[in-house]
Amino acid sequence: GLDIFSAGNASLTSVGAMWNYLSGIYIDNTAGTGSVTVNNTTGDWIGGNGSHGLYIQSRGAVTLTNVASGMNSNNGIYVNNTGSSATVKPGVTLVYTLDRWVDSNGFRGIEVYSSGPIKLTTTKKLYIENNGDYGVSLSNETGGTSVGVTVSGIQATLTSKPGQIYINNSYSGSGLVVYTQGAAVISNVSVNNSLNDA
């Protein structure tokens, strides 16, 4: 797959990674404090890889946009940026403005560890389905009470359709798991047919 080791910022746009022996995309910029951004609005599928689909280790802010990941042997998307020594800890943001699937991964669909705020939002339809363990696992409990977790779509209006997160068929674990000492804000999320649901 694609491996990136850096002490600075890492930015990927319109990427794909399929049928690799290990991870599809592996990013480690913990040698510095740079950020990581992956914008796959016009990118290809990340899937069918022998380990993780997208794996990120960082000490900076991480922003993922419209990243789909499926049929990987381990996690679909894994992010850990807990190593920051900054006073204000950088967060992790996953934003979806297009219909996307994170599905059929051998372990978890989305797994995030951070000491800053975590946000998973969509304005369209995000399907997190048929993953082997948890559908979504988000943890920032090391960040204290001032940082929280947001998992949300948007309400429908007279002129727009709702944005909805569907978490279904997490075979060996819960659909949605959140570990935080701060506020947890969850809206427009549907969790069904998981071993322990949410």
Protein backbone atom coordinates (compact mmCIF):
# COMPACT_ATOMS: atom_id res chain seq x y z
CA GLY A 1 0.00 0.00 0.00
CA LEU A 2 0.98 3.62 0.52
CA ASP A 3 3.20 4.26 3.57
CA ILE A 4 4.04 7.80 4.70
CA PHE A 5 6.53 8.61 7.47
CA SER A 6 7.02 12.32 8.10
CA ALA A 7 7.91 14.92 10.70
CA GLY A 8 5.64 17.49 9.04
CA ASN A 9 2.11 17.79 7.73
CA ALA A 10 0.67 14.94 5.65
CA SER A 11 -2.05 15.75 3.12
CA LEU A 12 -3.71 13.32 0.72
CA THR A 13 -6.37 14.15 -1.86
CA SER A 14 -8.29 11.80 -4.15
CA VAL A 15 -6.58 8.55 -3.19
CA GLY A 16 -7.44 4.86 -3.36
CA ALA A 17 -5.82 1.71 -2.00
CA MET A 18 -7.07 -1.75 -2.88
CA TRP A 19 -6.01 -5.36 -2.34
CA ASN A 20 -2.67 -4.69 -0.62
CA TYR A 21 -0.98 -7.33 1.51
CA LEU A 22 -0.88 -5.08 4.62
CA SER A 23 -2.55 -1.70 5.19
CA GLY A 24 -3.95 0.23 2.27
CA ILE A 25 -2.73 3.64 3.51
CA TYR A 26 -0.42 3.94 6.53
CA ILE A 27 0.51 7.41 7.83
CA ASP A 28 2.86 8.09 10.76
CA ASN A 29 4.02 11.67 11.35
CA THR A 30 4.63 11.34 15.09
CA ALA A 31 8.24 12.45 14.56
CA GLY A 32 6.83 16.00 14.57
CA THR A 33 3.62 17.82 15.44
CA GLY A 34 2.17 18.18 11.95
CA SER A 35 -1.43 17.59 10.97
CA VAL A 36 -2.94 14.90 8.76
CA THR A 37 -5.67 15.55 6.19
CA VAL A 38 -7.24 13.05 3.82
CA ASN A 39 -9.86 14.39 1.42
CA ASN A 40 -11.44 11.65 -0.65
CA THR A 41 -14.36 13.60 -2.07
CA THR A 42 -13.27 12.59 -5.57
CA GLY A 43 -11.07 9.66 -4.56
CA ASP A 44 -11.33 5.92 -5.01
CA TRP A 45 -12.22 3.08 -2.68
CA ILE A 46 -9.95 2.01 0.18
CA GLY A 47 -10.65 -1.66 0.56
CA GLY A 48 -9.76 -5.30 0.39
CA ASN A 49 -6.47 -4.78 2.23
CA GLY A 50 -4.76 -7.36 4.45
CA SER A 51 -4.61 -5.13 7.53
CA HIS A 52 -6.16 -1.67 8.05
CA GLY A 53 -7.77 0.30 5.27
CA LEU A 54 -6.55 3.70 6.53
CA TYR A 55 -4.18 3.82 9.53
CA ILE A 56 -3.01 7.14 11.05
CA GLN A 57 -0.65 7.82 13.95
CA SER A 58 -0.11 11.52 14.58
CA ARG A 59 0.57 14.14 17.24
CA GLY A 60 -1.35 16.81 15.31
CA ALA A 61 -4.93 17.43 14.23
CA VAL A 62 -6.47 14.85 11.92
CA THR A 63 -9.22 15.68 9.41
CA LEU A 64 -10.81 13.08 7.14
CA THR A 65 -13.34 14.05 4.49
CA ASN A 66 -15.59 11.56 2.68
CA VAL A 67 -13.33 8.57 3.33
CA ALA A 68 -14.95 5.22 2.53
CA SER A 69 -13.26 1.99 3.60
CA GLY A 70 -14.45 -1.59 3.33
CA MET A 71 -13.55 -5.27 3.25
CA ASN A 72 -10.24 -4.78 5.08
CA SER A 73 -8.98 -7.53 7.39
CA ASN A 74 -8.53 -5.18 10.36
CA ASN A 75 -10.11 -1.73 10.86
CA GLY A 76 -11.63 0.28 8.07
CA ILE A 77 -10.35 3.58 9.56
CA TYR A 78 -7.97 3.81 12.55
CA VAL A 79 -6.73 7.13 14.00
CA ASN A 80 -4.61 7.77 17.10
CA ASN A 81 -3.32 11.28 17.92
CA THR A 82 -3.06 10.98 21.69
CA GLY A 83 0.67 11.74 21.77
CA SER A 84 0.48 15.53 21.59
CA SER A 85 2.29 17.53 24.30
CA ALA A 86 0.45 20.75 23.38
CA THR A 87 -1.58 22.52 26.06
CA VAL A 88 -4.65 22.49 23.81
CA LYS A 89 -4.85 18.96 22.46
CA PRO A 90 -5.55 18.54 18.74
CA GLY A 91 -8.71 16.72 17.79
CA VAL A 92 -9.96 14.33 15.15
CA THR A 93 -12.68 15.28 12.66
CA LEU A 94 -14.41 12.93 10.23
CA VAL A 95 -16.84 14.78 7.97
CA TYR A 96 -19.05 13.35 5.24
CA THR A 97 -20.80 15.50 2.64
CA LEU A 98 -21.48 12.59 0.29
CA ASP A 99 -23.09 9.18 0.75
CA ARG A 100 -20.35 6.79 1.92
CA TRP A 101 -19.89 3.25 3.29
CA VAL A 102 -17.48 1.97 5.93
CA ASP A 103 -18.42 -1.67 5.84
CA SER A 104 -17.47 -5.33 5.98
CA ASN A 105 -14.17 -4.84 7.80
CA GLY A 106 -12.75 -7.70 9.82
CA PHE A 107 -12.44 -5.74 13.07
CA ARG A 108 -13.90 -2.26 13.58
CA GLY A 109 -15.37 0.15 11.08
CA ILE A 110 -14.02 3.38 12.62
CA GLU A 111 -11.72 3.46 15.66
CA VAL A 112 -10.39 6.79 17.01
CA TYR A 113 -8.22 7.66 20.01
CA SER A 114 -7.54 11.30 20.83
CA SER A 115 -6.96 13.65 23.74
CA GLY A 116 -8.83 16.41 21.88
CA PRO A 117 -12.40 16.72 20.62
CA ILE A 118 -13.71 14.03 18.26
CA LYS A 119 -16.36 14.80 15.65
CA LEU A 120 -18.07 12.38 13.26
CA THR A 121 -20.69 14.19 11.18
CA THR A 122 -22.58 13.77 7.94
CA THR A 123 -24.96 15.84 5.86
CA LYS A 124 -25.83 12.84 3.66
CA LYS A 125 -26.02 9.10 4.43
CA LEU A 126 -23.15 7.30 6.14
CA TYR A 127 -23.48 3.52 6.33
CA ILE A 128 -21.25 1.72 8.85
CA GLU A 129 -22.30 -1.89 8.44
CA ASN A 130 -21.29 -5.52 8.73
CA ASN A 131 -18.05 -4.96 10.63
CA GLY A 132 -16.60 -7.77 12.73
CA ASP A 133 -16.44 -5.96 16.08
CA TYR A 134 -17.60 -2.43 16.96
CA GLY A 135 -19.07 -0.35 14.20
CA VAL A 136 -17.67 2.89 15.67
CA SER A 137 -15.37 3.28 18.69
CA LEU A 138 -14.42 6.82 19.77
CA SER A 139 -12.27 7.54 22.82
CA ASN A 140 -10.92 10.81 24.18
CA GLU A 141 -11.20 10.06 27.89
CA THR A 142 -7.52 11.05 28.36
CA GLY A 143 -8.46 14.64 27.41
CA GLY A 144 -10.36 15.47 30.57
CA THR A 145 -13.77 17.06 30.98
CA SER A 146 -13.27 19.99 28.62
CA VAL A 147 -13.29 17.97 25.39
CA GLY A 148 -16.21 15.96 24.12
CA VAL A 149 -17.42 13.73 21.34
CA THR A 150 -19.98 14.61 18.65
CA VAL A 151 -21.64 12.01 16.42
CA SER A 152 -24.37 13.53 14.31
CA GLY A 153 -26.28 13.95 11.11
CA ILE A 154 -28.69 16.80 10.42
CA GLN A 155 -32.43 17.16 10.65
CA ALA A 156 -34.48 17.31 7.48
CA THR A 157 -36.01 20.64 6.50
CA LEU A 158 -38.67 21.64 4.00
CA THR A 159 -35.97 21.94 1.34
CA SER A 160 -33.37 19.36 2.35
CA LYS A 161 -33.16 15.68 3.19
CA PRO A 162 -31.77 14.51 6.53
CA GLY A 163 -28.17 13.54 7.10
CA GLN A 164 -28.14 10.19 8.87
CA ILE A 165 -25.56 7.76 10.26
CA TYR A 166 -26.63 4.12 10.00
CA ILE A 167 -24.66 1.65 12.13
CA ASN A 168 -25.84 -1.89 11.48
CA ASN A 169 -24.73 -5.50 12.01
CA SER A 170 -21.68 -5.10 14.26
CA TYR A 171 -21.28 -8.82 14.76
CA SER A 172 -19.09 -9.20 17.86
CA GLY A 173 -19.47 -5.88 19.65
CA SER A 174 -21.50 -2.72 20.05
CA GLY A 175 -22.60 -0.57 17.17
CA LEU A 176 -21.41 2.69 18.72
CA VAL A 177 -19.04 3.04 21.69
CA VAL A 178 -17.98 6.43 23.13
CA TYR A 179 -15.46 6.90 25.94
CA THR A 180 -15.23 10.51 27.11
CA GLN A 181 -15.12 12.62 30.26
CA GLY A 182 -16.62 15.54 28.37
CA ALA A 183 -19.98 16.04 26.71
CA ALA A 184 -21.22 13.37 24.30
CA VAL A 185 -23.59 14.79 21.68
CA ILE A 186 -25.29 12.16 19.52
CA SER A 187 -28.07 12.90 17.04
CA ASN A 188 -29.57 11.44 13.88
CA VAL A 189 -27.81 8.11 14.46
CA SER A 190 -29.47 4.73 13.94
CA VAL A 191 -27.91 1.61 15.55
CA ASN A 192 -29.41 -1.81 14.77
CA ASN A 193 -28.66 -5.53 14.82
CA SER A 194 -25.39 -5.29 16.76
CA LEU A 195 -24.37 -7.65 19.54
CA ASN A 196 -24.79 -4.91 22.16
CA ASP A 197 -26.26 -2.06 20.07
CA ALA A 198 -25.05 1.38 21.29
